[in-house]
């Protein structure tokens, strides 16, 4: 659920579906852009190699992010199934923008829904809880 506090900040309140938070989300926003108009001459080939060396860490980051997404897709059905079948507790996560800010254990599906609406209403009133995550 996306809400806006009286001071204009955007907050997102939702269930956390897997046992971990993604670490690489938004990590590729700082990648440099390639210059346009690289031709077929030797100077352009050297410039292209320099950019390849510069962009290699970002390409590796894309590979790691892709692997993380693949693991997420494989684990997600089992994590959700365990929560439903075994009665595992859900966690409600509050994010300021996309940055994790607060996390609370909520109980079952219905209790987590009530907590989501309660936290969203508090944030809309301007009653911002204290953060309990190190990323905040």
Protein backbone atom coordinates (compact mmCIF):
# COMPACT_ATOMS: atom_id res chain seq x y z
CA UNK A 1 0.00 0.00 0.00
CA UNK A 2 1.44 3.36 -1.00
CA UNK A 3 0.67 6.35 1.23
CA UNK A 4 1.88 9.91 1.55
CA UNK A 5 2.58 11.52 4.91
CA UNK A 6 1.63 15.17 5.61
CA UNK A 7 5.26 16.24 5.02
CA UNK A 8 5.04 14.89 1.43
CA UNK A 9 7.12 11.72 1.85
CA UNK A 10 6.02 8.59 0.02
CA UNK A 11 5.77 5.43 2.14
CA UNK A 12 5.11 1.85 1.07
CA UNK A 13 3.61 -0.64 3.54
CA UNK A 14 3.44 -4.28 2.47
CA UNK A 15 4.04 -7.89 3.41
CA UNK A 16 7.51 -9.28 2.89
CA UNK A 17 6.97 -12.42 0.79
CA UNK A 18 10.38 -14.11 1.12
CA UNK A 19 12.67 -14.55 4.12
CA UNK A 20 15.12 -11.90 2.85
CA UNK A 21 15.09 -8.46 1.26
CA UNK A 22 16.65 -8.00 -2.18
CA UNK A 23 19.99 -6.24 -1.86
CA UNK A 24 20.68 -5.33 -5.51
CA UNK A 25 17.44 -3.52 -6.28
CA UNK A 26 18.27 -0.17 -7.88
CA UNK A 27 22.01 -0.88 -7.90
CA UNK A 28 22.21 -0.44 -11.66
CA UNK A 29 20.91 3.15 -11.63
CA UNK A 30 24.47 4.50 -11.38
CA UNK A 31 25.81 2.73 -14.50
CA UNK A 32 27.38 5.12 -17.01
CA UNK A 33 25.89 5.51 -20.48
CA UNK A 34 27.80 4.48 -23.59
CA UNK A 35 28.63 7.29 -26.00
CA UNK A 36 26.75 7.17 -29.28
CA UNK A 37 28.42 7.22 -32.67
CA UNK A 38 31.27 4.77 -32.14
CA UNK A 39 32.53 3.92 -35.63
CA UNK A 40 34.64 1.16 -37.19
CA UNK A 41 38.05 2.84 -37.02
CA UNK A 42 40.89 1.77 -34.65
CA UNK A 43 40.43 4.76 -32.34
CA UNK A 44 36.78 3.86 -31.83
CA UNK A 45 37.78 0.25 -31.13
CA UNK A 46 40.16 1.45 -28.39
CA UNK A 47 37.45 3.69 -26.96
CA UNK A 48 35.07 0.73 -27.07
CA UNK A 49 37.55 -1.46 -25.19
CA UNK A 50 38.02 1.23 -22.55
CA UNK A 51 34.26 1.44 -22.07
CA UNK A 52 34.08 -2.35 -21.90
CA UNK A 53 36.63 -2.36 -19.08
CA UNK A 54 34.72 0.42 -17.32
CA UNK A 55 31.35 -1.32 -17.75
CA UNK A 56 32.58 -4.82 -16.87
CA UNK A 57 31.74 -4.43 -13.14
CA UNK A 58 28.23 -3.30 -14.09
CA UNK A 59 27.81 -6.26 -16.42
CA UNK A 60 28.85 -8.59 -13.60
CA UNK A 61 26.34 -6.82 -11.36
CA UNK A 62 23.61 -7.50 -13.93
CA UNK A 63 24.61 -11.17 -13.95
CA UNK A 64 24.49 -11.38 -10.14
CA UNK A 65 21.14 -9.55 -10.05
CA UNK A 66 19.79 -11.98 -12.64
CA UNK A 67 20.95 -14.95 -10.58
CA UNK A 68 19.35 -13.45 -7.48
CA UNK A 69 16.09 -13.02 -9.38
CA UNK A 70 16.27 -16.64 -10.55
CA UNK A 71 16.78 -17.86 -6.98
CA UNK A 72 13.90 -15.64 -5.88
CA UNK A 73 11.59 -17.18 -8.48
CA UNK A 74 12.60 -20.71 -7.44
CA UNK A 75 12.27 -20.11 -3.68
CA UNK A 76 9.10 -17.96 -3.74
CA UNK A 77 6.55 -20.81 -4.16
CA UNK A 78 8.15 -22.78 -1.33
CA UNK A 79 8.36 -19.74 0.97
CA UNK A 80 4.72 -18.80 0.36
CA UNK A 81 3.62 -22.43 0.67
CA UNK A 82 5.45 -22.80 3.98
CA UNK A 83 3.81 -19.64 5.28
CA UNK A 84 0.36 -20.88 4.29
CA UNK A 85 0.64 -24.58 5.14
CA UNK A 86 2.89 -24.38 8.21
CA UNK A 87 1.34 -21.18 9.55
CA UNK A 88 4.58 -19.18 9.40
CA UNK A 89 4.28 -15.58 10.50
CA UNK A 90 4.23 -12.77 7.97
CA UNK A 91 6.39 -9.68 8.29
CA UNK A 92 5.07 -6.24 7.44
CA UNK A 93 7.63 -3.92 5.94
CA UNK A 94 7.51 -0.11 5.83
CA UNK A 95 9.71 1.52 3.18
CA UNK A 96 10.44 5.22 2.79
CA UNK A 97 10.35 5.39 -0.98
CA UNK A 98 12.11 2.09 -1.71
CA UNK A 99 14.47 2.14 1.30
CA UNK A 100 13.52 -0.32 4.09
CA UNK A 101 12.60 1.64 7.22
CA UNK A 102 10.64 -0.58 9.62
CA UNK A 103 9.76 -4.25 9.91
CA UNK A 104 7.26 -5.85 12.27
CA UNK A 105 6.17 -9.45 12.74
CA UNK A 106 2.43 -9.57 12.14
CA UNK A 107 1.18 -13.13 12.58
CA UNK A 108 -1.18 -14.73 10.06
CA UNK A 109 -2.46 -13.29 6.76
CA UNK A 110 -5.42 -11.48 8.33
CA UNK A 111 -3.37 -9.96 11.15
CA UNK A 112 -0.76 -8.75 8.67
CA UNK A 113 -3.50 -7.06 6.61
CA UNK A 114 -4.81 -5.28 9.71
CA UNK A 115 -1.27 -4.16 10.62
CA UNK A 116 -0.68 -2.87 7.06
CA UNK A 117 -3.81 -0.72 7.22
CA UNK A 118 -2.98 0.47 10.75
CA UNK A 119 0.58 1.50 9.83
CA UNK A 120 -0.62 3.18 6.62
CA UNK A 121 -3.22 5.20 8.56
CA UNK A 122 -0.60 6.24 11.12
CA UNK A 123 1.77 7.36 8.38
CA UNK A 124 -0.97 9.36 6.64
CA UNK A 125 -1.66 11.15 9.95
CA UNK A 126 2.04 11.94 10.29
CA UNK A 127 2.63 9.54 13.19
CA UNK A 128 5.89 8.07 11.88
CA UNK A 129 7.18 5.12 13.96
CA UNK A 130 10.84 4.80 14.94
CA UNK A 131 12.92 2.83 12.44
CA UNK A 132 14.17 -0.62 13.45
CA UNK A 133 16.24 -1.53 10.36
CA UNK A 134 19.88 -0.67 9.91
CA UNK A 135 19.27 0.53 6.33
CA UNK A 136 16.99 3.35 7.53
